[in-house]
Amino acid sequence: MKKIALALSCVFTLSTTAICFAAEGNSANGEKLFSDPTLGGSQNDRACINCHPGKDAFKSLSKDKDLAKIINACITNPLAGNGLENDSQEMKDLKSYILSQSK
């Protein structure tokens, strides 16, 4: 009985941890999206990295700003694409990557 309880506890802990990481976003995937010229159905050959190269592009980023709104403004204007849903995994991944670079 103790082995079953321990096994269930381990499964619960691992699944909870995986859910938390997924909710925060995957920075490595966000980095790929940042360089993807097809992000948001972009209508040109540009990607986020074309206008925001290097780590210095994020130094002045305030955590108080609505990062999702800023990302979507870039996708819909310079990239001529469609904005991402705020709770989409792509948005979470992009936000995670950008915030990791702003430190």
PDB file of N, CA and C in Angstrom:
ATOM      1  N   MET A   1       0.824  -1.205   0.000  1.00  0.00           N
ATOM      2  CA  MET A   1       0.000   0.000   0.000  1.00  0.00           C
ATOM      3  C   MET A   1       0.861   1.260   0.000  1.00  0.00           C
ATOM      4  N   LYS A   2       1.960   1.213   0.783  1.00  0.00           N
ATOM      5  CA  LYS A   2       2.840   2.373   0.831  1.00  0.00           C
ATOM      6  C   LYS A   2       3.508   2.616  -0.524  1.00  0.00           C
ATOM      7  N   LYS A   3       3.826   1.530  -1.231  1.00  0.00           N
ATOM      8  CA  LYS A   3       4.466   1.661  -2.538  1.00  0.00           C
ATOM      9  C   LYS A   3       3.515   2.321  -3.541  1.00  0.00           C
ATOM     10  N   ILE A   4       2.243   1.950  -3.476  1.00  0.00           N
ATOM     11  CA  ILE A   4       1.253   2.545  -4.372  1.00  0.00           C
ATOM     12  C   ILE A   4       1.087   4.028  -4.063  1.00  0.00           C
ATOM     13  N   ALA A   5       1.020   4.374  -2.785  1.00  0.00           N
ATOM     14  CA  ALA A   5       0.874   5.773  -2.394  1.00  0.00           C
ATOM     15  C   ALA A   5       2.093   6.577  -2.842  1.00  0.00           C
ATOM     16  N   LEU A   6       3.285   6.008  -2.693  1.00  0.00           N
ATOM     17  CA  LEU A   6       4.504   6.686  -3.116  1.00  0.00           C
ATOM     18  C   LEU A   6       4.527   6.866  -4.635  1.00  0.00           C
ATOM     19  N   ALA A   7       4.134   5.831  -5.352  1.00  0.00           N
ATOM     20  CA  ALA A   7       4.105   5.900  -6.818  1.00  0.00           C
ATOM     21  C   ALA A   7       3.112   6.971  -7.285  1.00  0.00           C
ATOM     22  N   LEU A   8       1.941   6.998  -6.702  1.00  0.00           N
ATOM     23  CA  LEU A   8       0.943   8.003  -7.064  1.00  0.00           C
ATOM     24  C   LEU A   8       1.424   9.412  -6.730  1.00  0.00           C
ATOM     25  N   SER A   9       2.111   9.537  -5.618  1.00  0.00           N
ATOM     26  CA  SER A   9       2.661  10.827  -5.228  1.00  0.00           C
ATOM     27  C   SER A   9       3.694  11.309  -6.242  1.00  0.00           C
ATOM     28  N   CYS A  10       4.542  10.399  -6.696  1.00  0.00           N
ATOM     29  CA  CYS A  10       5.552  10.746  -7.689  1.00  0.00           C
ATOM     30  C   CYS A  10       4.911  11.159  -9.012  1.00  0.00           C
ATOM     31  N   VAL A  11       3.906  10.401  -9.456  1.00  0.00           N
ATOM     32  CA  VAL A  11       3.215  10.718 -10.701  1.00  0.00           C
ATOM     33  C   VAL A  11       2.551  12.083 -10.599  1.00  0.00           C
ATOM     34  N   PHE A  12       1.898  12.362  -9.480  1.00  0.00           N
ATOM     35  CA  PHE A  12       1.243  13.649  -9.285  1.00  0.00           C
ATOM     36  C   PHE A  12       2.255  14.790  -9.326  1.00  0.00           C
ATOM     37  N   THR A  13       3.375  14.618  -8.632  1.00  0.00           N
ATOM     38  CA  THR A  13       4.411  15.655  -8.587  1.00  0.00           C
ATOM     39  C   THR A  13       4.980  15.913  -9.969  1.00  0.00           C
ATOM     40  N   LEU A  14       5.278  14.869 -10.717  1.00  0.00           N
ATOM     41  CA  LEU A  14       5.836  15.027 -12.057  1.00  0.00           C
ATOM     42  C   LEU A  14       4.844  15.689 -13.002  1.00  0.00           C
ATOM     43  N   SER A  15       3.581  15.285 -12.931  1.00  0.00           N
ATOM     44  CA  SER A  15       2.593  15.878 -13.834  1.00  0.00           C
ATOM     45  C   SER A  15       2.336  17.339 -13.482  1.00  0.00           C
ATOM     46  N   THR A  16       2.328  17.665 -12.208  1.00  0.00           N
ATOM     47  CA  THR A  16       2.141  19.051 -11.784  1.00  0.00           C
ATOM     48  C   THR A  16       3.306  19.912 -12.250  1.00  0.00           C
ATOM     49  N   THR A  17       4.516  19.400 -12.123  1.00  0.00           N
ATOM     50  CA  THR A  17       5.697  20.129 -12.561  1.00  0.00           C
ATOM     51  C   THR A  17       5.644  20.372 -14.064  1.00  0.00           C
ATOM     52  N   ALA A  18       5.266  19.369 -14.836  1.00  0.00           N
ATOM     53  CA  ALA A  18       5.177  19.509 -16.291  1.00  0.00           C
ATOM     54  C   ALA A  18       4.132  20.554 -16.672  1.00  0.00           C
ATOM     55  N   ILE A  19       3.019  20.572 -15.979  1.00  0.00           N
ATOM     56  CA  ILE A  19       1.964  21.542 -16.263  1.00  0.00           C
ATOM     57  C   ILE A  19       2.455  22.955 -15.956  1.00  0.00           C
ATOM     58  N   CYS A  20       3.168  23.133 -14.859  1.00  0.00           N
ATOM     59  CA  CYS A  20       3.687  24.453 -14.496  1.00  0.00           C
ATOM     60  C   CYS A  20       4.667  24.961 -15.542  1.00  0.00           C
ATOM     61  N   PHE A  21       5.565  24.105 -15.998  1.00  0.00           N
ATOM     62  CA  PHE A  21       6.516  24.529 -17.013  1.00  0.00           C
ATOM     63  C   PHE A  21       5.809  24.866 -18.319  1.00  0.00           C
ATOM     64  N   ALA A  22       4.794  24.106 -18.693  1.00  0.00           N
ATOM     65  CA  ALA A  22       4.055  24.380 -19.921  1.00  0.00           C
ATOM     66  C   ALA A  22       3.303  25.705 -19.811  1.00  0.00           C
ATOM     67  N   ALA A  23       2.769  26.007 -18.628  1.00  0.00           N
ATOM     68  CA  ALA A  23       2.019  27.241 -18.437  1.00  0.00           C
ATOM     69  C   ALA A  23       2.921  28.462 -18.561  1.00  0.00           C
ATOM     70  N   GLU A  24       4.176  28.335 -18.129  1.00  0.00           N
ATOM     71  CA  GLU A  24       5.091  29.461 -18.179  1.00  0.00           C
ATOM     72  C   GLU A  24       5.642  29.696 -19.574  1.00  0.00           C
ATOM     73  N   GLY A  25       5.731  28.693 -20.366  1.00  0.00           N
ATOM     74  CA  GLY A  25       6.282  28.824 -21.699  1.00  0.00           C
ATOM     75  C   GLY A  25       7.670  28.217 -21.788  1.00  0.00           C
ATOM     76  N   ASN A  26       8.023  27.837 -22.985  1.00  0.00           N
ATOM     77  CA  ASN A  26       9.299  27.193 -23.264  1.00  0.00           C
ATOM     78  C   ASN A  26      10.198  28.213 -23.959  1.00  0.00           C
ATOM     79  N   SER A  27      11.220  28.649 -23.248  1.00  0.00           N
ATOM     80  CA  SER A  27      12.112  29.687 -23.773  1.00  0.00           C
ATOM     81  C   SER A  27      12.838  29.235 -25.037  1.00  0.00           C
ATOM     82  N   ALA A  28      13.240  27.971 -25.092  1.00  0.00           N
ATOM     83  CA  ALA A  28      13.949  27.467 -26.279  1.00  0.00           C
ATOM     84  C   ALA A  28      13.037  27.493 -27.506  1.00  0.00           C
ATOM     85  N   ASN A  29      11.780  27.110 -27.326  1.00  0.00           N
ATOM     86  CA  ASN A  29      10.835  27.179 -28.439  1.00  0.00           C
ATOM     87  C   ASN A  29      10.536  28.632 -28.799  1.00  0.00           C
ATOM     88  N   GLY A  30      10.476  29.498 -27.787  1.00  0.00           N
ATOM     89  CA  GLY A  30      10.260  30.918 -28.038  1.00  0.00           C
ATOM     90  C   GLY A  30      11.380  31.523 -28.875  1.00  0.00           C
ATOM     91  N   GLU A  31      12.602  31.067 -28.639  1.00  0.00           N
ATOM     92  CA  GLU A  31      13.736  31.548 -29.432  1.00  0.00           C
ATOM     93  C   GLU A  31      13.584  31.136 -30.898  1.00  0.00           C
ATOM     94  N   LYS A  32      13.105  29.920 -31.129  1.00  0.00           N
ATOM     95  CA  LYS A  32      12.863  29.465 -32.508  1.00  0.00           C
ATOM     96  C   LYS A  32      11.770  30.309 -33.165  1.00  0.00           C
ATOM     97  N   LEU A  33      10.691  30.565 -32.425  1.00  0.00           N
ATOM     98  CA  LEU A  33       9.596  31.373 -32.960  1.00  0.00           C
ATOM     99  C   LEU A  33      10.060  32.791 -33.268  1.00  0.00           C
ATOM    100  N   PHE A  34      10.956  33.324 -32.445  1.00  0.00           N
ATOM    101  CA  PHE A  34      11.478  34.676 -32.615  1.00  0.00           C
ATOM    102  C   PHE A  34      12.214  34.822 -33.948  1.00  0.00           C
ATOM    103  N   SER A  35      12.748  33.716 -34.434  1.00  0.00           N
ATOM    104  CA  SER A  35      13.494  33.733 -35.706  1.00  0.00           C
ATOM    105  C   SER A  35      12.685  33.180 -36.876  1.00  0.00           C
ATOM    106  N   ASP A  36      11.421  32.858 -36.636  1.00  0.00           N
ATOM    107  CA  ASP A  36      10.583  32.214 -37.648  1.00  0.00           C
ATOM    108  C   ASP A  36       9.877  33.248 -38.532  1.00  0.00           C
ATOM    109  N   PRO A  37      10.212  33.301 -39.833  1.00  0.00           N
ATOM    110  CA  PRO A  37       9.565  34.271 -40.722  1.00  0.00           C
ATOM    111  C   PRO A  37       8.114  33.923 -41.063  1.00  0.00           C
ATOM    112  N   THR A  38       7.614  32.805 -40.579  1.00  0.00           N
ATOM    113  CA  THR A  38       6.212  32.451 -40.831  1.00  0.00           C
ATOM    114  C   THR A  38       5.341  32.658 -39.589  1.00  0.00           C
ATOM    115  N   LEU A  39       5.900  33.228 -38.531  1.00  0.00           N
ATOM    116  CA  LEU A  39       5.172  33.447 -37.282  1.00  0.00           C
ATOM    117  C   LEU A  39       3.900  34.254 -37.532  1.00  0.00           C
ATOM    118  N   GLY A  40       2.790  33.766 -37.031  1.00  0.00           N
ATOM    119  CA  GLY A  40       1.523  34.475 -37.162  1.00  0.00           C
ATOM    120  C   GLY A  40       1.041  34.608 -38.597  1.00  0.00           C
ATOM    121  N   GLY A  41       1.531  33.740 -39.481  1.00  0.00           N
ATOM    122  CA  GLY A  41       1.132  33.825 -40.882  1.00  0.00           C
ATOM    123  C   GLY A  41       1.733  35.034 -41.574  1.00  0.00           C
ATOM    124  N   SER A  42       2.938  35.410 -41.156  1.00  0.00           N
ATOM    125  CA  SER A  42       3.619  36.577 -41.721  1.00  0.00           C
ATOM    126  C   SER A  42       3.560  36.568 -43.243  1.00  0.00           C
ATOM    127  N   GLN A  43       3.314  37.729 -43.810  1.00  0.00           N
ATOM    128  CA  GLN A  43       3.181  37.873 -45.257  1.00  0.00           C
ATOM    129  C   GLN A  43       4.466  38.324 -45.942  1.00  0.00           C
ATOM    130  N   ASN A  44       5.560  38.382 -45.187  1.00  0.00           N
ATOM    131  CA  ASN A  44       6.839  38.760 -45.773  1.00  0.00           C
ATOM    132  C   ASN A  44       7.930  37.848 -45.200  1.00  0.00           C
ATOM    133  N   ASP A  45       9.142  38.092 -45.553  1.00  0.00           N
ATOM    134  CA  ASP A  45      10.230  37.223 -45.112  1.00  0.00           C
ATOM    135  C   ASP A  45      10.903  37.725 -43.843  1.00  0.00           C
ATOM    136  N   ARG A  46      10.214  38.513 -43.074  1.00  0.00           N
ATOM    137  CA  ARG A  46      10.801  39.069 -41.860  1.00  0.00           C
ATOM    138  C   ARG A  46      10.396  38.250 -40.637  1.00  0.00           C
ATOM    139  N   ALA A  47      11.263  38.294 -39.642  1.00  0.00           N
ATOM    140  CA  ALA A  47      11.005  37.650 -38.357  1.00  0.00           C
ATOM    141  C   ALA A  47      11.309  38.681 -37.265  1.00  0.00           C
ATOM    142  N   CYS A  48      10.918  38.398 -36.063  1.00  0.00           N
ATOM    143  CA  CYS A  48      11.156  39.311 -34.940  1.00  0.00           C
ATOM    144  C   CYS A  48      12.633  39.697 -34.845  1.00  0.00           C
ATOM    145  N   ILE A  49      13.490  38.717 -35.047  1.00  0.00           N
ATOM    146  CA  ILE A  49      14.933  38.937 -34.895  1.00  0.00           C
ATOM    147  C   ILE A  49      15.484  39.953 -35.897  1.00  0.00           C
ATOM    148  N   ASN A  50      14.805  40.180 -37.004  1.00  0.00           N
ATOM    149  CA  ASN A  50      15.275  41.163 -37.982  1.00  0.00           C
ATOM    150  C   ASN A  50      15.271  42.581 -37.402  1.00  0.00           C
ATOM    151  N   CYS A  51      14.285  42.894 -36.604  1.00  0.00           N
ATOM    152  CA  CYS A  51      14.201  44.230 -35.998  1.00  0.00           C
ATOM    153  C   CYS A  51      14.798  44.273 -34.590  1.00  0.00           C
ATOM    154  N   HIS A  52      14.902  43.115 -33.955  1.00  0.00           N
ATOM    155  CA  HIS A  52      15.363  43.049 -32.565  1.00  0.00           C
ATOM    156  C   HIS A  52      16.529  42.070 -32.414  1.00  0.00           C
ATOM    157  N   PRO A  53      17.659  42.354 -33.052  1.00  0.00           N
ATOM    158  CA  PRO A  53      18.792  41.434 -32.941  1.00  0.00           C
ATOM    159  C   PRO A  53      19.543  41.622 -31.626  1.00  0.00           C
ATOM    160  N   GLY A  54      20.038  40.549 -31.079  1.00  0.00           N
ATOM    161  CA  GLY A  54      20.877  40.624 -29.890  1.00  0.00           C
ATOM    162  C   GLY A  54      20.114  40.874 -28.606  1.00  0.00           C
ATOM    163  N   LYS A  55      20.799  40.601 -27.508  1.00  0.00           N
ATOM    164  CA  LYS A  55      20.210  40.729 -26.181  1.00  0.00           C
ATOM    165  C   LYS A  55      19.883  42.174 -25.807  1.00  0.00           C
ATOM    166  N   ASP A  56      20.635  43.124 -26.335  1.00  0.00           N
ATOM    167  CA  ASP A  56      20.433  44.521 -25.965  1.00  0.00           C
ATOM    168  C   ASP A  56      19.058  45.047 -26.359  1.00  0.00           C
ATOM    169  N   ALA A  57      18.400  44.386 -27.292  1.00  0.00           N
ATOM    170  CA  ALA A  57      17.072  44.825 -27.730  1.00  0.00           C
ATOM    171  C   ALA A  57      16.045  44.755 -26.617  1.00  0.00           C
ATOM    172  N   PHE A  58      16.321  43.969 -25.581  1.00  0.00           N
ATOM    173  CA  PHE A  58      15.335  43.757 -24.509  1.00  0.00           C
ATOM    174  C   PHE A  58      15.724  44.412 -23.193  1.00  0.00           C
ATOM    175  N   LYS A  59      16.838  45.097 -23.149  1.00  0.00           N
ATOM    176  CA  LYS A  59      17.325  45.674 -21.886  1.00  0.00           C
ATOM    177  C   LYS A  59      16.347  46.668 -21.282  1.00  0.00           C
ATOM    178  N   SER A  60      15.658  47.438 -22.098  1.00  0.00           N
ATOM    179  CA  SER A  60      14.755  48.465 -21.579  1.00  0.00           C
ATOM    180  C   SER A  60      13.330  47.957 -21.364  1.00  0.00           C
ATOM    181  N   LEU A  61      13.119  46.684 -21.575  1.00  0.00           N
ATOM    182  CA  LEU A  61      11.780  46.116 -21.439  1.00  0.00           C
ATOM    183  C   LEU A  61      11.337  46.123 -19.980  1.00  0.00           C
ATOM    184  N   SER A  62      10.196  46.698 -19.735  1.00  0.00           N
ATOM    185  CA  SER A  62       9.634  46.737 -18.395  1.00  0.00           C
ATOM    186  C   SER A  62       8.680  45.569 -18.220  1.00  0.00           C
ATOM    187  N   LYS A  63       8.752  44.906 -17.097  1.00  0.00           N
ATOM    188  CA  LYS A  63       7.864  43.780 -16.842  1.00  0.00           C
ATOM    189  C   LYS A  63       6.429  44.243 -16.614  1.00  0.00           C
ATOM    190  N   ASP A  64       6.249  45.548 -16.402  1.00  0.00           N
ATOM    191  CA  ASP A  64       4.904  46.080 -16.191  1.00  0.00           C
ATOM    192  C   ASP A  64       4.137  46.232 -17.492  1.00  0.00           C
ATOM    193  N   LYS A  65       4.846  46.280 -18.608  1.00  0.00           N
ATOM    194  CA  LYS A  65       4.182  46.466 -19.901  1.00  0.00           C
ATOM    195  C   LYS A  65       3.465  45.185 -20.315  1.00  0.00           C
ATOM    196  N   ASP A  66       2.438  45.343 -21.129  1.00  0.00           N
ATOM    197  CA  ASP A  66       1.682  44.201 -21.635  1.00  0.00           C
ATOM    198  C   ASP A  66       2.460  43.595 -22.792  1.00  0.00           C
ATOM    199  N   LEU A  67       3.308  42.634 -22.475  1.00  0.00           N
ATOM    200  CA  LEU A  67       4.198  42.042 -23.462  1.00  0.00           C
ATOM    201  C   LEU A  67       3.431  41.383 -24.606  1.00  0.00           C
ATOM    202  N   ALA A  68       2.316  40.744 -24.305  1.00  0.00           N
ATOM    203  CA  ALA A  68       1.514  40.102 -25.358  1.00  0.00           C
ATOM    204  C   ALA A  68       1.023  41.138 -26.366  1.00  0.00           C
ATOM    205  N   LYS A  69       0.639  42.297 -25.889  1.00  0.00           N
ATOM    206  CA  LYS A  69       0.164  43.368 -26.772  1.00  0.00           C
ATOM    207  C   LYS A  69       1.300  43.874 -27.663  1.00  0.00           C
ATOM    208  N   ILE A  70       2.485  44.009 -27.094  1.00  0.00           N
ATOM    209  CA  ILE A  70       3.657  44.463 -27.857  1.00  0.00           C
ATOM    210  C   ILE A  70       4.021  43.426 -28.923  1.00  0.00           C
ATOM    211  N   ILE A  71       4.030  42.147 -28.538  1.00  0.00           N
ATOM    212  CA  ILE A  71       4.348  41.075 -29.489  1.00  0.00           C
ATOM    213  C   ILE A  71       3.363  41.087 -30.644  1.00  0.00           C
ATOM    214  N   ASN A  72       2.075  41.188 -30.331  1.00  0.00           N
ATOM    215  CA  ASN A  72       1.060  41.181 -31.388  1.00  0.00           C
ATOM    216  C   ASN A  72       1.137  42.414 -32.277  1.00  0.00           C
ATOM    217  N   ALA A  73       1.530  43.551 -31.729  1.00  0.00           N
ATOM    218  CA  ALA A  73       1.697  44.749 -32.553  1.00  0.00           C
ATOM    219  C   ALA A  73       2.817  44.527 -33.572  1.00  0.00           C
ATOM    220  N   CYS A  74       3.863  43.865 -33.153  1.00  0.00           N
ATOM    221  CA  CYS A  74       4.969  43.571 -34.079  1.00  0.00           C
ATOM    222  C   CYS A  74       4.553  42.545 -35.137  1.00  0.00           C
ATOM    223  N   ILE A  75       3.798  41.554 -34.721  1.00  0.00           N
ATOM    224  CA  ILE A  75       3.374  40.526 -35.676  1.00  0.00           C
ATOM    225  C   ILE A  75       2.407  41.107 -36.711  1.00  0.00           C
ATOM    226  N   THR A  76       1.469  41.923 -36.266  1.00  0.00           N
ATOM    227  CA  THR A  76       0.454  42.434 -37.197  1.00  0.00           C
ATOM    228  C   THR A  76       0.961  43.586 -38.056  1.00  0.00           C
ATOM    229  N   ASN A  77       1.929  44.356 -37.574  1.00  0.00           N
ATOM    230  CA  ASN A  77       2.415  45.495 -38.361  1.00  0.00           C
ATOM    231  C   ASN A  77       3.646  45.141 -39.189  1.00  0.00           C
ATOM    232  N   PRO A  78       4.846  45.124 -38.647  1.00  0.00           N
ATOM    233  CA  PRO A  78       6.023  44.844 -39.481  1.00  0.00           C
ATOM    234  C   PRO A  78       5.995  43.483 -40.189  1.00  0.00           C
ATOM    235  N   LEU A  79       5.463  42.460 -39.502  1.00  0.00           N
ATOM    236  CA  LEU A  79       5.441  41.130 -40.120  1.00  0.00           C
ATOM    237  C   LEU A  79       4.223  40.913 -41.012  1.00  0.00           C
ATOM    238  N   ALA A  80       3.243  41.789 -40.920  1.00  0.00           N
ATOM    239  CA  ALA A  80       2.014  41.679 -41.699  1.00  0.00           C
ATOM    240  C   ALA A  80       1.347  40.320 -41.515  1.00  0.00           C
ATOM    241  N   GLY A  81       1.312  39.873 -40.262  1.00  0.00           N
ATOM    242  CA  GLY A  81       0.691  38.591 -39.938  1.00  0.00           C
ATOM    243  C   GLY A  81      -0.519  38.779 -39.049  1.00  0.00           C
ATOM    244  N   ASN A  82      -0.966  37.701 -38.452  1.00  0.00           N
ATOM    245  CA  ASN A  82      -2.106  37.709 -37.544  1.00  0.00           C
ATOM    246  C   ASN A  82      -1.598  37.549 -36.115  1.00  0.00           C
ATOM    247  N   GLY A  83      -2.127  38.348 -35.217  1.00  0.00           N
ATOM    248  CA  GLY A  83      -1.735  38.269 -33.815  1.00  0.00           C
ATOM    249  C   GLY A  83      -2.020  36.897 -33.223  1.00  0.00           C
ATOM    250  N   LEU A  84      -1.300  36.589 -32.166  1.00  0.00           N
ATOM    251  CA  LEU A  84      -1.473  35.318 -31.464  1.00  0.00           C
ATOM    252  C   LEU A  84      -2.458  35.481 -30.320  1.00  0.00           C
ATOM    253  N   GLU A  85      -3.148  34.416 -29.983  1.00  0.00           N
ATOM    254  CA  GLU A  85      -4.025  34.433 -28.809  1.00  0.00           C
ATOM    255  C   GLU A  85      -3.149  34.590 -27.566  1.00  0.00           C
ATOM    256  N   ASN A  86      -3.585  35.394 -26.625  1.00  0.00           N
ATOM    257  CA  ASN A  86      -2.789  35.652 -25.424  1.00  0.00           C
ATOM    258  C   ASN A  86      -2.465  34.396 -24.627  1.00  0.00           C
ATOM    259  N   ASP A  87      -3.349  33.425 -24.647  1.00  0.00           N
ATOM    260  CA  ASP A  87      -3.110  32.209 -23.865  1.00  0.00           C
ATOM    261  C   ASP A  87      -2.581  31.050 -24.714  1.00  0.00           C
ATOM    262  N   SER A  88      -2.176  31.337 -25.954  1.00  0.00           N
ATOM    263  CA  SER A  88      -1.647  30.275 -26.815  1.00  0.00           C
ATOM    264  C   SER A  88      -0.244  29.878 -26.357  1.00  0.00           C
ATOM    265  N   GLN A  89       0.143  28.665 -26.682  1.00  0.00           N
ATOM    266  CA  GLN A  89       1.474  28.198 -26.304  1.00  0.00           C
ATOM    267  C   GLN A  89       2.554  29.009 -27.009  1.00  0.00           C
ATOM    268  N   GLU A  90       2.303  29.415 -28.250  1.00  0.00           N
ATOM    269  CA  GLU A  90       3.275  30.250 -28.965  1.00  0.00           C
ATOM    270  C   GLU A  90       3.522  31.562 -28.224  1.00  0.00           C
ATOM    271  N   MET A  91       2.452  32.200 -27.748  1.00  0.00           N
ATOM    272  CA  MET A  91       2.592  33.461 -27.018  1.00  0.00           C
ATOM    273  C   MET A  91       3.353  33.231 -25.714  1.00  0.00           C
ATOM    274  N   LYS A  92       3.018  32.179 -25.000  1.00  0.00           N
ATOM    275  CA  LYS A  92       3.716  31.872 -23.748  1.00  0.00           C
ATOM    276  C   LYS A  92       5.196  31.626 -24.002  1.00  0.00           C
ATOM    277  N   ASP A  93       5.502  30.906 -25.077  1.00  0.00           N
ATOM    278  CA  ASP A  93       6.894  30.608 -25.406  1.00  0.00           C
ATOM    279  C   ASP A  93       7.654  31.875 -25.787  1.00  0.00           C
ATOM    280  N   LEU A  94       7.061  32.724 -26.600  1.00  0.00           N
ATOM    281  CA  LEU A  94       7.701  33.986 -26.981  1.00  0.00           C
ATOM    282  C   LEU A  94       7.941  34.876 -25.768  1.00  0.00           C
ATOM    283  N   LYS A  95       6.941  34.996 -24.914  1.00  0.00           N
ATOM    284  CA  LYS A  95       7.090  35.806 -23.707  1.00  0.00           C
ATOM    285  C   LYS A  95       8.198  35.257 -22.823  1.00  0.00           C
ATOM    286  N   SER A  96       8.246  33.953 -22.672  1.00  0.00           N
ATOM    287  CA  SER A  96       9.278  33.322 -21.855  1.00  0.00           C
ATOM    288  C   SER A  96      10.670  33.633 -22.402  1.00  0.00           C
ATOM    289  N   TYR A  97      10.833  33.529 -23.714  1.00  0.00           N
ATOM    290  CA  TYR A  97      12.127  33.810 -24.336  1.00  0.00           C
ATOM    291  C   TYR A  97      12.510  35.280 -24.158  1.00  0.00           C
ATOM    292  N   ILE A  98      11.589  36.172 -24.450  1.00  0.00           N
ATOM    293  CA  ILE A  98      11.883  37.606 -24.367  1.00  0.00           C
ATOM    294  C   ILE A  98      12.233  38.004 -22.942  1.00  0.00           C
ATOM    295  N   LEU A  99      11.465  37.513 -21.981  1.00  0.00           N
ATOM    296  CA  LEU A  99      11.754  37.843 -20.584  1.00  0.00           C
ATOM    297  C   LEU A  99      13.091  37.262 -20.141  1.00  0.00           C
ATOM    298  N   SER A 100      13.453  36.098 -20.663  1.00  0.00           N
ATOM    299  CA  SER A 100      14.754  35.515 -20.301  1.00  0.00           C
ATOM    300  C   SER A 100      15.896  36.351 -20.859  1.00  0.00           C
ATOM    301  N   GLN A 101      15.663  37.045 -21.958  1.00  0.00           N
ATOM    302  CA  GLN A 101      16.695  37.870 -22.577  1.00  0.00           C
ATOM    303  C   GLN A 101      16.774  39.271 -21.984  1.00  0.00           C
ATOM    304  N   SER A 102      15.755  39.668 -21.247  1.00  0.00           N
ATOM    305  CA  SER A 102      15.708  41.040 -20.713  1.00  0.00           C
ATOM    306  C   SER A 102      16.439  41.169 -19.382  1.00  0.00           C
ATOM    307  N   LYS A 103      16.977  40.087 -18.881  1.00  0.00           N
ATOM    308  CA  LYS A 103      17.658  40.108 -17.574  1.00  0.00           C
ATOM    309  C   LYS A 103      19.067  40.617 -17.695  1.00  0.00           C
TER     310      LYS A 103
END
